[in-house]
N, C-alpha and C. Protein backbone atom coordinates (compact mmCIF):
# COMPACT_ATOMS: atom_id res chain seq x y z
N MET A 1 53.12 132.18 12.12
CA MET A 1 53.85 131.06 11.55
C MET A 1 53.37 130.81 10.12
N GLU A 2 54.31 130.76 9.18
CA GLU A 2 53.95 130.55 7.78
C GLU A 2 54.06 129.07 7.42
N VAL A 3 52.90 128.47 7.11
CA VAL A 3 52.85 127.05 6.75
C VAL A 3 52.98 126.93 5.23
N LEU A 4 53.94 126.12 4.79
CA LEU A 4 54.17 125.93 3.36
C LEU A 4 53.44 124.70 2.83
N TYR A 5 53.23 123.71 3.71
CA TYR A 5 52.53 122.47 3.32
C TYR A 5 52.07 121.78 4.59
N GLU A 6 50.89 121.16 4.52
CA GLU A 6 50.41 120.39 5.67
C GLU A 6 49.46 119.29 5.21
N ASP A 7 49.58 118.12 5.84
CA ASP A 7 48.59 117.07 5.70
C ASP A 7 48.50 116.34 7.05
N ASN A 8 47.92 115.15 7.07
CA ASN A 8 47.72 114.44 8.34
C ASN A 8 49.03 113.99 8.98
N HIS A 9 50.08 113.86 8.19
CA HIS A 9 51.33 113.30 8.70
C HIS A 9 52.49 114.29 8.76
N ILE A 10 52.44 115.35 7.98
CA ILE A 10 53.59 116.25 7.81
C ILE A 10 53.14 117.70 7.83
N ILE A 11 54.01 118.55 8.37
CA ILE A 11 53.82 119.99 8.24
C ILE A 11 55.18 120.62 7.92
N ILE A 12 55.21 121.50 6.93
CA ILE A 12 56.44 122.19 6.53
C ILE A 12 56.22 123.68 6.74
N VAL A 13 57.12 124.32 7.47
CA VAL A 13 56.95 125.74 7.78
C VAL A 13 58.18 126.53 7.35
N ASN A 14 57.99 127.83 7.22
CA ASN A 14 59.06 128.74 6.84
C ASN A 14 59.66 129.35 8.10
N LYS A 15 60.84 128.88 8.48
CA LYS A 15 61.50 129.37 9.69
C LYS A 15 62.08 130.76 9.47
N ALA A 16 61.90 131.62 10.44
CA ALA A 16 62.46 132.97 10.37
C ALA A 16 63.89 132.98 10.92
N VAL A 17 64.67 133.94 10.49
CA VAL A 17 66.01 134.16 11.05
C VAL A 17 65.88 134.34 12.56
N GLY A 18 66.75 133.69 13.31
CA GLY A 18 66.76 133.85 14.76
C GLY A 18 65.99 132.79 15.52
N GLU A 19 65.10 132.07 14.84
CA GLU A 19 64.36 131.00 15.51
C GLU A 19 65.24 129.75 15.61
N ILE A 20 65.05 129.00 16.70
CA ILE A 20 65.71 127.71 16.82
C ILE A 20 64.67 126.63 16.50
N VAL A 21 65.12 125.58 15.85
CA VAL A 21 64.19 124.51 15.46
C VAL A 21 63.84 123.64 16.65
N GLN A 22 64.85 123.31 17.45
CA GLN A 22 64.69 122.41 18.59
C GLN A 22 65.25 123.08 19.83
N GLY A 23 64.70 122.77 21.00
CA GLY A 23 65.15 123.40 22.24
C GLY A 23 66.64 123.21 22.48
N ASP A 24 67.27 124.23 23.06
CA ASP A 24 68.69 124.14 23.40
C ASP A 24 68.94 124.83 24.74
N LYS A 25 70.21 125.02 25.07
CA LYS A 25 70.56 125.55 26.39
C LYS A 25 70.13 127.00 26.59
N THR A 26 69.76 127.70 25.51
CA THR A 26 69.32 129.10 25.67
C THR A 26 67.99 129.19 26.39
N GLY A 27 67.18 128.12 26.28
CA GLY A 27 65.85 128.15 26.89
C GLY A 27 64.82 128.90 26.07
N ASP A 28 65.21 129.39 24.89
CA ASP A 28 64.27 130.08 24.02
C ASP A 28 63.25 129.09 23.46
N THR A 29 62.03 129.58 23.20
CA THR A 29 60.99 128.72 22.68
C THR A 29 61.35 128.26 21.27
N PRO A 30 61.47 126.95 21.05
CA PRO A 30 61.84 126.46 19.72
C PRO A 30 60.65 126.44 18.77
N LEU A 31 60.96 126.40 17.48
CA LEU A 31 59.92 126.34 16.46
C LEU A 31 59.07 125.09 16.62
N SER A 32 59.66 123.99 17.06
CA SER A 32 58.89 122.75 17.27
C SER A 32 57.74 122.97 18.25
N GLU A 33 57.96 123.77 19.29
CA GLU A 33 56.90 124.05 20.26
C GLU A 33 55.85 124.98 19.67
N THR A 34 56.30 125.94 18.85
CA THR A 34 55.36 126.85 18.19
C THR A 34 54.44 126.07 17.26
N VAL A 35 55.02 125.10 16.53
CA VAL A 35 54.23 124.27 15.63
C VAL A 35 53.22 123.43 16.43
N LYS A 36 53.68 122.85 17.53
CA LYS A 36 52.77 122.07 18.39
C LYS A 36 51.57 122.91 18.82
N GLN A 37 51.85 124.12 19.29
CA GLN A 37 50.78 124.98 19.77
C GLN A 37 49.84 125.37 18.64
N TRP A 38 50.39 125.61 17.47
CA TRP A 38 49.58 125.97 16.30
C TRP A 38 48.63 124.84 15.94
N ILE A 39 49.14 123.60 15.93
CA ILE A 39 48.31 122.43 15.63
C ILE A 39 47.23 122.26 16.69
N LYS A 40 47.62 122.40 17.94
CA LYS A 40 46.69 122.23 19.06
C LYS A 40 45.52 123.21 18.96
N GLU A 41 45.84 124.47 18.63
CA GLU A 41 44.80 125.50 18.55
C GLU A 41 43.96 125.34 17.28
N LYS A 42 44.60 125.06 16.16
CA LYS A 42 43.86 124.95 14.90
C LYS A 42 42.84 123.83 14.93
N TYR A 43 43.25 122.69 15.50
CA TYR A 43 42.37 121.52 15.48
C TYR A 43 41.71 121.24 16.84
N ALA A 44 41.89 122.18 17.77
CA ALA A 44 41.29 122.05 19.11
C ALA A 44 41.60 120.69 19.72
N LYS A 45 42.87 120.30 19.65
CA LYS A 45 43.28 118.99 20.15
C LYS A 45 43.47 119.02 21.67
N PRO A 46 42.87 118.08 22.38
CA PRO A 46 43.11 117.99 23.82
C PRO A 46 44.44 117.28 24.10
N GLY A 47 45.02 117.53 25.24
CA GLY A 47 46.24 116.82 25.63
C GLY A 47 47.45 117.19 24.80
N ASN A 48 48.44 116.30 24.81
CA ASN A 48 49.69 116.55 24.11
C ASN A 48 49.55 116.38 22.60
N VAL A 49 50.29 117.19 21.87
CA VAL A 49 50.32 117.12 20.40
C VAL A 49 51.68 116.59 19.98
N PHE A 50 51.70 115.65 19.05
CA PHE A 50 52.97 115.11 18.56
C PHE A 50 53.53 116.03 17.48
N CYS A 51 54.82 116.35 17.61
CA CYS A 51 55.52 117.12 16.58
C CYS A 51 56.98 116.69 16.59
N GLY A 52 57.34 115.85 15.63
CA GLY A 52 58.69 115.32 15.57
C GLY A 52 59.60 116.15 14.70
N VAL A 53 60.81 116.42 15.18
CA VAL A 53 61.80 117.19 14.43
C VAL A 53 62.51 116.24 13.45
N VAL A 54 62.34 116.50 12.16
CA VAL A 54 62.95 115.66 11.12
C VAL A 54 64.38 116.11 10.82
N HIS A 55 64.59 117.41 10.76
CA HIS A 55 65.92 117.96 10.49
C HIS A 55 65.96 119.37 11.05
N ARG A 56 67.15 119.93 11.12
CA ARG A 56 67.29 121.30 11.64
C ARG A 56 68.05 122.16 10.64
N ILE A 57 67.80 123.46 10.70
CA ILE A 57 68.67 124.42 10.02
C ILE A 57 69.15 125.41 11.08
N ASP A 58 70.31 125.98 10.85
CA ASP A 58 70.95 126.82 11.85
C ASP A 58 70.08 128.02 12.23
N ARG A 59 70.28 128.49 13.45
CA ARG A 59 69.48 129.61 13.97
C ARG A 59 69.52 130.84 13.06
N PRO A 60 70.69 131.24 12.52
CA PRO A 60 70.71 132.44 11.69
C PRO A 60 70.23 132.24 10.26
N VAL A 61 69.78 131.01 9.93
CA VAL A 61 69.34 130.67 8.58
C VAL A 61 67.80 130.68 8.54
N SER A 62 67.23 131.05 7.40
CA SER A 62 65.78 131.03 7.23
C SER A 62 65.38 129.94 6.26
N GLY A 63 64.07 129.65 6.21
CA GLY A 63 63.58 128.77 5.16
C GLY A 63 62.82 127.55 5.62
N ALA A 64 62.62 126.62 4.68
CA ALA A 64 61.73 125.47 4.85
C ALA A 64 62.28 124.44 5.83
N VAL A 65 61.42 124.06 6.79
CA VAL A 65 61.75 123.02 7.77
C VAL A 65 60.58 122.05 7.86
N VAL A 66 60.89 120.75 7.85
CA VAL A 66 59.86 119.71 7.90
C VAL A 66 59.71 119.17 9.32
N PHE A 67 58.45 119.04 9.76
CA PHE A 67 58.13 118.39 11.02
C PHE A 67 57.15 117.25 10.74
N ALA A 68 57.22 116.21 11.58
CA ALA A 68 56.30 115.08 11.44
C ALA A 68 55.17 115.21 12.47
N LYS A 69 53.95 114.98 12.01
CA LYS A 69 52.79 115.05 12.91
C LYS A 69 52.42 113.69 13.48
N THR A 70 53.07 112.63 12.98
CA THR A 70 52.84 111.28 13.48
C THR A 70 54.17 110.57 13.66
N SER A 71 54.20 109.59 14.57
CA SER A 71 55.43 108.84 14.80
C SER A 71 55.80 108.00 13.58
N LYS A 72 54.79 107.51 12.85
CA LYS A 72 55.05 106.74 11.64
C LYS A 72 55.80 107.60 10.62
N ALA A 73 55.33 108.83 10.40
CA ALA A 73 55.99 109.72 9.45
C ALA A 73 57.39 110.08 9.91
N LEU A 74 57.57 110.31 11.21
CA LEU A 74 58.88 110.68 11.73
C LEU A 74 59.90 109.57 11.48
N SER A 75 59.52 108.34 11.79
CA SER A 75 60.42 107.20 11.60
C SER A 75 60.82 107.05 10.14
N ARG A 76 59.84 107.15 9.26
CA ARG A 76 60.13 106.97 7.83
C ARG A 76 60.93 108.13 7.26
N LEU A 77 60.62 109.35 7.69
CA LEU A 77 61.37 110.52 7.21
C LEU A 77 62.81 110.49 7.70
N ASN A 78 63.02 110.02 8.92
CA ASN A 78 64.38 109.89 9.44
C ASN A 78 65.20 108.93 8.59
N ASP A 79 64.58 107.81 8.20
CA ASP A 79 65.26 106.85 7.33
C ASP A 79 65.56 107.47 5.97
N MET A 80 64.59 108.23 5.43
CA MET A 80 64.78 108.87 4.13
C MET A 80 65.91 109.90 4.19
N LEU A 81 65.99 110.61 5.29
CA LEU A 81 67.06 111.61 5.45
C LEU A 81 68.42 110.94 5.45
N ARG A 82 68.54 109.84 6.18
CA ARG A 82 69.81 109.10 6.23
C ARG A 82 70.19 108.54 4.86
N ASN A 83 69.18 108.19 4.08
CA ASN A 83 69.43 107.58 2.77
C ASN A 83 69.53 108.60 1.64
N GLY A 84 69.49 109.87 1.96
CA GLY A 84 69.63 110.92 0.95
C GLY A 84 68.41 111.07 0.06
N GLU A 85 67.23 110.71 0.57
CA GLU A 85 66.01 110.76 -0.23
C GLU A 85 65.21 112.04 -0.02
N ILE A 86 65.73 112.94 0.79
CA ILE A 86 65.11 114.25 0.98
C ILE A 86 66.06 115.28 0.36
N HIS A 87 65.59 115.99 -0.65
CA HIS A 87 66.45 116.87 -1.44
C HIS A 87 66.23 118.33 -1.05
N LYS A 88 67.33 119.00 -0.70
CA LYS A 88 67.25 120.37 -0.21
C LYS A 88 67.99 121.33 -1.14
N THR A 89 67.34 122.43 -1.47
CA THR A 89 67.95 123.48 -2.29
C THR A 89 67.98 124.77 -1.48
N TYR A 90 69.14 125.38 -1.42
CA TYR A 90 69.32 126.64 -0.69
C TYR A 90 69.68 127.76 -1.65
N PHE A 91 69.40 128.99 -1.24
CA PHE A 91 69.92 130.16 -1.92
C PHE A 91 70.86 130.85 -0.94
N ALA A 92 72.03 131.23 -1.44
CA ALA A 92 73.05 131.87 -0.60
C ALA A 92 73.57 133.12 -1.30
N LEU A 93 73.64 134.20 -0.54
CA LEU A 93 74.23 135.44 -1.04
C LEU A 93 75.65 135.49 -0.49
N VAL A 94 76.65 135.40 -1.39
CA VAL A 94 78.04 135.32 -0.95
C VAL A 94 78.81 136.58 -1.33
N GLU A 95 79.87 136.83 -0.59
CA GLU A 95 80.73 137.96 -0.88
C GLU A 95 81.54 137.70 -2.14
N GLY A 96 81.64 138.72 -3.00
CA GLY A 96 82.46 138.61 -4.20
C GLY A 96 81.82 137.73 -5.26
N LYS A 97 82.66 137.28 -6.20
CA LYS A 97 82.19 136.45 -7.32
C LYS A 97 83.05 135.19 -7.40
N PRO A 98 82.44 134.01 -7.22
CA PRO A 98 83.20 132.77 -7.35
C PRO A 98 83.86 132.65 -8.72
N GLU A 99 85.00 132.00 -8.74
CA GLU A 99 85.76 131.85 -9.99
C GLU A 99 84.95 131.09 -11.04
N LYS A 100 84.19 130.07 -10.61
CA LYS A 100 83.36 129.29 -11.53
C LYS A 100 81.89 129.62 -11.31
N ASP A 101 81.15 129.73 -12.40
CA ASP A 101 79.72 130.01 -12.30
C ASP A 101 78.94 128.83 -11.71
N ALA A 102 79.48 127.63 -11.88
CA ALA A 102 78.87 126.43 -11.32
C ALA A 102 79.97 125.45 -10.98
N ALA A 103 79.78 124.71 -9.88
CA ALA A 103 80.82 123.76 -9.48
C ALA A 103 80.27 122.78 -8.46
N THR A 104 81.01 121.69 -8.30
CA THR A 104 80.76 120.74 -7.22
C THR A 104 81.87 120.90 -6.20
N LEU A 105 81.50 121.06 -4.94
CA LEU A 105 82.48 121.17 -3.86
C LEU A 105 82.45 119.90 -3.03
N GLU A 106 83.59 119.28 -2.89
CA GLU A 106 83.70 118.06 -2.07
C GLU A 106 84.86 118.23 -1.11
N ASP A 107 84.56 118.11 0.18
CA ASP A 107 85.57 118.29 1.22
C ASP A 107 85.34 117.26 2.32
N MET A 108 86.37 117.03 3.10
CA MET A 108 86.25 116.26 4.33
C MET A 108 86.11 117.28 5.46
N LEU A 109 85.00 117.19 6.20
CA LEU A 109 84.72 118.17 7.25
C LEU A 109 84.75 117.53 8.62
N ILE A 110 85.12 118.33 9.59
CA ILE A 110 85.11 117.88 10.98
C ILE A 110 84.57 119.00 11.86
N SER A 111 83.72 118.64 12.81
CA SER A 111 83.09 119.65 13.67
C SER A 111 83.70 119.62 15.07
N ASP A 112 83.79 120.80 15.66
CA ASP A 112 84.26 120.96 17.04
C ASP A 112 83.07 121.45 17.86
N SER A 113 82.50 120.59 18.68
CA SER A 113 81.31 120.95 19.45
C SER A 113 81.60 122.03 20.48
N ARG A 114 82.82 122.08 20.97
CA ARG A 114 83.17 123.12 21.96
C ARG A 114 83.12 124.51 21.35
N LEU A 115 83.56 124.61 20.10
CA LEU A 115 83.56 125.90 19.41
C LEU A 115 82.28 126.12 18.62
N ASN A 116 81.46 125.07 18.50
CA ASN A 116 80.27 125.11 17.64
C ASN A 116 80.65 125.58 16.24
N LYS A 117 81.67 124.93 15.69
CA LYS A 117 82.18 125.34 14.39
C LYS A 117 82.71 124.12 13.64
N THR A 118 82.63 124.18 12.31
CA THR A 118 83.09 123.09 11.45
C THR A 118 84.29 123.55 10.64
N PHE A 119 85.20 122.63 10.37
CA PHE A 119 86.45 122.96 9.68
C PHE A 119 86.70 121.97 8.54
N ILE A 120 87.47 122.41 7.55
CA ILE A 120 88.01 121.49 6.55
C ILE A 120 89.06 120.64 7.26
N ALA A 121 88.92 119.32 7.18
CA ALA A 121 89.82 118.43 7.91
C ALA A 121 91.19 118.34 7.25
N ARG A 122 92.18 118.06 8.07
CA ARG A 122 93.51 117.76 7.56
C ARG A 122 93.51 116.35 6.96
N PRO A 123 94.39 116.08 6.01
CA PRO A 123 94.45 114.73 5.42
C PRO A 123 94.61 113.66 6.50
N GLY A 124 93.74 112.65 6.46
CA GLY A 124 93.82 111.55 7.41
C GLY A 124 93.26 111.84 8.78
N GLN A 125 92.68 113.03 8.98
CA GLN A 125 92.18 113.39 10.32
C GLN A 125 91.01 112.50 10.71
N LYS A 126 91.04 111.98 11.93
CA LYS A 126 90.03 111.07 12.43
C LYS A 126 88.66 111.74 12.52
N ASP A 127 87.60 111.00 12.21
CA ASP A 127 86.20 111.42 12.34
C ASP A 127 85.76 112.43 11.28
N ALA A 128 86.61 112.73 10.31
CA ALA A 128 86.20 113.64 9.23
C ALA A 128 85.17 112.95 8.34
N LYS A 129 84.22 113.74 7.82
CA LYS A 129 83.14 113.18 7.02
C LYS A 129 83.12 113.82 5.63
N ARG A 130 82.95 112.96 4.63
CA ARG A 130 82.85 113.44 3.25
C ARG A 130 81.62 114.31 3.10
N SER A 131 81.79 115.46 2.47
CA SER A 131 80.72 116.44 2.37
C SER A 131 80.68 117.01 0.95
N VAL A 132 79.50 116.97 0.33
CA VAL A 132 79.39 117.35 -1.08
C VAL A 132 78.20 118.28 -1.28
N LEU A 133 78.42 119.32 -2.08
CA LEU A 133 77.33 120.18 -2.54
C LEU A 133 77.64 120.64 -3.95
N THR A 134 76.61 121.07 -4.65
CA THR A 134 76.80 121.72 -5.94
C THR A 134 76.21 123.12 -5.86
N TYR A 135 76.77 124.03 -6.65
CA TYR A 135 76.18 125.38 -6.70
C TYR A 135 76.17 125.87 -8.14
N GLU A 136 75.29 126.81 -8.41
CA GLU A 136 75.29 127.52 -9.68
C GLU A 136 74.91 128.97 -9.42
N THR A 137 75.47 129.85 -10.23
CA THR A 137 75.22 131.28 -10.07
C THR A 137 73.84 131.64 -10.62
N VAL A 138 73.07 132.34 -9.81
CA VAL A 138 71.75 132.83 -10.23
C VAL A 138 71.87 134.26 -10.76
N ALA A 139 72.61 135.10 -10.03
CA ALA A 139 72.76 136.50 -10.43
C ALA A 139 73.95 137.11 -9.72
N GLU A 140 74.49 138.19 -10.30
CA GLU A 140 75.64 138.88 -9.72
C GLU A 140 75.30 140.34 -9.47
N GLY A 141 75.84 140.85 -8.35
CA GLY A 141 75.75 142.27 -8.06
C GLY A 141 77.15 142.86 -7.99
N ASP A 142 77.24 144.10 -7.52
CA ASP A 142 78.55 144.75 -7.43
C ASP A 142 79.45 144.08 -6.39
N ARG A 143 78.85 143.69 -5.26
CA ARG A 143 79.64 143.14 -4.16
C ARG A 143 79.28 141.70 -3.80
N TYR A 144 78.10 141.26 -4.22
CA TYR A 144 77.61 139.94 -3.82
C TYR A 144 77.12 139.14 -5.02
N THR A 145 77.13 137.82 -4.86
CA THR A 145 76.64 136.91 -5.88
C THR A 145 75.59 135.99 -5.25
N LEU A 146 74.48 135.81 -5.94
CA LEU A 146 73.43 134.92 -5.46
C LEU A 146 73.64 133.53 -6.07
N LEU A 147 73.78 132.53 -5.21
CA LEU A 147 74.01 131.16 -5.64
C LEU A 147 72.82 130.28 -5.27
N LYS A 148 72.55 129.30 -6.14
CA LYS A 148 71.61 128.23 -5.80
C LYS A 148 72.45 127.02 -5.43
N VAL A 149 72.22 126.48 -4.25
CA VAL A 149 73.05 125.41 -3.71
C VAL A 149 72.21 124.15 -3.50
N ASN A 150 72.66 123.05 -4.04
CA ASN A 150 72.02 121.75 -3.79
C ASN A 150 72.89 120.97 -2.81
N LEU A 151 72.30 120.64 -1.70
CA LEU A 151 73.03 119.97 -0.63
C LEU A 151 72.92 118.46 -0.83
N LEU A 152 74.04 117.79 -1.06
CA LEU A 152 74.04 116.36 -1.32
C LEU A 152 74.37 115.53 -0.08
N THR A 153 74.97 116.16 0.91
CA THR A 153 75.15 115.54 2.23
C THR A 153 74.72 116.58 3.26
N GLY A 154 74.48 116.15 4.47
CA GLY A 154 73.93 117.07 5.47
C GLY A 154 74.80 117.23 6.69
N ARG A 155 75.94 117.86 6.54
CA ARG A 155 76.86 118.06 7.67
C ARG A 155 76.57 119.39 8.37
N LYS A 156 76.97 119.47 9.62
CA LYS A 156 76.78 120.70 10.39
C LYS A 156 77.53 121.86 9.73
N HIS A 157 76.81 122.95 9.48
CA HIS A 157 77.38 124.18 8.91
C HIS A 157 78.03 123.93 7.54
N GLN A 158 77.61 122.88 6.85
CA GLN A 158 78.32 122.46 5.63
C GLN A 158 78.40 123.55 4.57
N ILE A 159 77.26 124.14 4.22
CA ILE A 159 77.27 125.16 3.17
C ILE A 159 78.13 126.34 3.60
N ARG A 160 78.03 126.71 4.84
CA ARG A 160 78.75 127.86 5.35
C ARG A 160 80.26 127.68 5.26
N VAL A 161 80.75 126.53 5.70
CA VAL A 161 82.20 126.32 5.70
C VAL A 161 82.73 126.04 4.30
N GLN A 162 81.98 125.32 3.47
CA GLN A 162 82.49 125.01 2.14
C GLN A 162 82.54 126.25 1.25
N LEU A 163 81.53 127.11 1.31
CA LEU A 163 81.58 128.34 0.51
C LEU A 163 82.67 129.27 1.03
N SER A 164 82.82 129.34 2.34
CA SER A 164 83.88 130.17 2.92
C SER A 164 85.25 129.70 2.46
N ALA A 165 85.42 128.39 2.35
CA ALA A 165 86.71 127.82 1.95
C ALA A 165 87.08 128.18 0.52
N THR A 166 86.09 128.56 -0.30
CA THR A 166 86.39 129.01 -1.66
C THR A 166 86.81 130.48 -1.70
N GLY A 167 86.73 131.13 -0.54
CA GLY A 167 87.06 132.56 -0.48
C GLY A 167 85.84 133.45 -0.61
N HIS A 168 84.64 132.84 -0.54
CA HIS A 168 83.41 133.61 -0.71
C HIS A 168 82.42 133.26 0.39
N PRO A 169 82.66 133.80 1.60
CA PRO A 169 81.75 133.51 2.72
C PRO A 169 80.36 134.08 2.48
N ILE A 170 79.39 133.51 3.16
CA ILE A 170 78.01 133.98 3.06
C ILE A 170 77.89 135.34 3.74
N LYS A 171 77.15 136.24 3.13
CA LYS A 171 76.94 137.58 3.67
C LYS A 171 76.42 137.49 5.11
N GLY A 172 77.07 138.21 6.00
CA GLY A 172 76.64 138.27 7.39
C GLY A 172 77.19 137.17 8.28
N ASP A 173 77.90 136.19 7.70
CA ASP A 173 78.35 135.04 8.47
C ASP A 173 79.73 135.28 9.06
N LEU A 174 79.77 136.05 10.15
CA LEU A 174 81.03 136.42 10.77
C LEU A 174 81.82 135.19 11.22
N LYS A 175 81.13 134.15 11.65
CA LYS A 175 81.80 132.93 12.13
C LYS A 175 82.68 132.31 11.06
N TYR A 176 82.27 132.48 9.80
CA TYR A 176 83.01 131.87 8.69
C TYR A 176 83.61 132.90 7.74
N GLY A 177 83.95 134.07 8.29
CA GLY A 177 84.79 134.98 7.54
C GLY A 177 84.13 136.15 6.85
N ALA A 178 82.83 136.36 7.03
CA ALA A 178 82.18 137.53 6.41
C ALA A 178 82.75 138.82 6.98
N LYS A 179 82.73 139.85 6.17
CA LYS A 179 83.35 141.12 6.58
C LYS A 179 82.50 141.88 7.59
N ARG A 180 81.18 141.76 7.49
CA ARG A 180 80.30 142.49 8.41
C ARG A 180 79.04 141.68 8.66
N SER A 181 78.36 142.03 9.75
CA SER A 181 77.15 141.31 10.13
C SER A 181 75.94 141.87 9.39
N ASN A 182 74.86 141.10 9.36
CA ASN A 182 73.57 141.58 8.86
C ASN A 182 72.81 142.27 9.98
N ARG A 183 71.95 143.20 9.62
CA ARG A 183 71.22 143.96 10.63
C ARG A 183 70.35 143.09 11.52
N ASP A 184 69.79 142.01 10.94
CA ASP A 184 68.90 141.16 11.73
C ASP A 184 69.65 140.09 12.53
N GLY A 185 70.98 140.09 12.44
CA GLY A 185 71.77 139.11 13.17
C GLY A 185 71.83 137.75 12.49
N GLY A 186 71.16 137.62 11.35
CA GLY A 186 71.17 136.35 10.62
C GLY A 186 72.26 136.33 9.58
N ILE A 187 72.24 135.30 8.75
CA ILE A 187 73.14 135.22 7.61
C ILE A 187 72.30 135.04 6.35
N SER A 188 72.86 135.36 5.21
CA SER A 188 72.09 135.37 3.96
C SER A 188 72.09 133.99 3.31
N LEU A 189 71.55 133.04 4.07
CA LEU A 189 71.39 131.66 3.60
C LEU A 189 69.95 131.24 3.86
N HIS A 190 69.29 130.75 2.82
CA HIS A 190 67.85 130.48 2.89
C HIS A 190 67.54 129.10 2.33
N ALA A 191 66.86 128.28 3.13
CA ALA A 191 66.42 126.95 2.68
C ALA A 191 65.21 127.15 1.77
N ARG A 192 65.48 127.24 0.49
CA ARG A 192 64.47 127.64 -0.49
C ARG A 192 63.45 126.54 -0.79
N ARG A 193 63.94 125.30 -1.01
CA ARG A 193 63.04 124.25 -1.48
C ARG A 193 63.40 122.92 -0.83
N ILE A 194 62.36 122.10 -0.56
CA ILE A 194 62.58 120.76 -0.05
C ILE A 194 61.66 119.82 -0.81
N GLU A 195 62.23 118.71 -1.30
CA GLU A 195 61.48 117.78 -2.15
C GLU A 195 61.71 116.34 -1.68
N PHE A 196 60.63 115.56 -1.68
CA PHE A 196 60.74 114.15 -1.30
C PHE A 196 59.44 113.44 -1.65
N ILE A 197 59.47 112.12 -1.60
CA ILE A 197 58.28 111.31 -1.78
C ILE A 197 57.63 111.12 -0.42
N HIS A 198 56.36 111.45 -0.32
CA HIS A 198 55.65 111.36 0.96
C HIS A 198 55.80 109.95 1.53
N PRO A 199 56.21 109.83 2.80
CA PRO A 199 56.48 108.51 3.37
C PRO A 199 55.24 107.63 3.57
N VAL A 200 54.07 108.23 3.52
CA VAL A 200 52.84 107.46 3.71
C VAL A 200 52.02 107.38 2.43
N SER A 201 51.71 108.54 1.84
CA SER A 201 50.87 108.56 0.64
C SER A 201 51.64 108.22 -0.63
N LYS A 202 52.98 108.37 -0.58
CA LYS A 202 53.89 108.12 -1.71
C LYS A 202 53.74 109.14 -2.85
N LYS A 203 53.07 110.25 -2.59
CA LYS A 203 53.00 111.29 -3.62
C LYS A 203 54.21 112.21 -3.50
N SER A 204 54.51 112.91 -4.59
CA SER A 204 55.66 113.80 -4.63
C SER A 204 55.34 115.11 -3.89
N ILE A 205 56.21 115.48 -2.97
CA ILE A 205 56.04 116.71 -2.20
C ILE A 205 57.16 117.69 -2.57
N CYS A 206 56.79 118.92 -2.85
CA CYS A 206 57.77 119.98 -3.11
C CYS A 206 57.26 121.26 -2.45
N ALA A 207 57.98 121.74 -1.45
CA ALA A 207 57.59 122.96 -0.75
C ALA A 207 58.66 124.02 -0.95
N GLU A 208 58.22 125.24 -1.25
CA GLU A 208 59.15 126.36 -1.46
C GLU A 208 58.87 127.46 -0.46
N ALA A 209 59.94 127.97 0.14
CA ALA A 209 59.83 129.10 1.06
C ALA A 209 60.15 130.38 0.29
N PRO A 210 59.29 131.40 0.36
CA PRO A 210 59.55 132.66 -0.35
C PRO A 210 60.93 133.23 0.00
N LEU A 211 61.58 133.79 -1.00
CA LEU A 211 62.92 134.34 -0.77
C LEU A 211 62.88 135.55 0.14
N PRO A 212 63.90 135.73 0.99
CA PRO A 212 64.01 136.94 1.80
C PRO A 212 64.08 138.19 0.92
N THR A 213 63.65 139.29 1.47
CA THR A 213 63.59 140.55 0.73
C THR A 213 64.94 140.94 0.13
N GLU A 214 66.03 140.70 0.85
CA GLU A 214 67.35 141.14 0.35
C GLU A 214 67.80 140.36 -0.88
N MET A 215 67.22 139.18 -1.10
CA MET A 215 67.61 138.38 -2.27
C MET A 215 66.77 138.69 -3.50
N MET A 216 65.61 139.28 -3.30
CA MET A 216 64.69 139.51 -4.41
C MET A 216 65.27 140.35 -5.54
N PRO A 217 66.01 141.45 -5.24
CA PRO A 217 66.54 142.27 -6.34
C PRO A 217 67.52 141.54 -7.25
N PHE A 218 68.07 140.42 -6.78
CA PHE A 218 69.05 139.68 -7.58
C PHE A 218 68.39 138.77 -8.61
N LEU A 219 67.09 138.48 -8.43
CA LEU A 219 66.44 137.55 -9.33
C LEU A 219 66.31 138.15 -10.73
N PRO A 220 66.63 137.38 -11.76
CA PRO A 220 66.51 137.89 -13.14
C PRO A 220 65.06 138.23 -13.46
N GLY A 221 64.87 139.32 -14.20
CA GLY A 221 63.53 139.70 -14.65
C GLY A 221 62.70 140.31 -13.56
């Protein structure tokens, strides 16, 4: 397990493609349990270890995930998440080249839990939620473009569906229109950076997850 940041209240780790953050119907061991065990062994803690899930990223996505080591931190981080005080930056490798090198995407999204999929809502559709992100082009290749994405709202599959709606789905994301799958079964979306003010110490926290190998050749220089 790769730890990006840790103190008495918070631990931030780099999730691998294929890991689930929180337990689900698959019964696979979630990252939250792996973190608990890591804390228990590192500090030789007896009994149960607290590890609160602050937010999740999709199973096929990699990158930075925050967990709370205390109930005080979990409560405050949950409030910060609702208030937009936790800032997330993603890197996405998309098919083709977007028409604009940088843009703001704003859509009304609606999720279908039965299909485990999110859609652009029809005008006036009930329960649709305003969803906003910005992106800028980092580098271009022959078939793919590397984008830096700032997530301004946190909807289910938001980056995936909004980029797909522009005609440029994320590499490997068959659910949202990619032409072919990735070898590892994941998609080329990476939670690169997470920034916020520590809920207890009030110091500025910025954790970065190293880019996946397939994105490295796109970086300038």
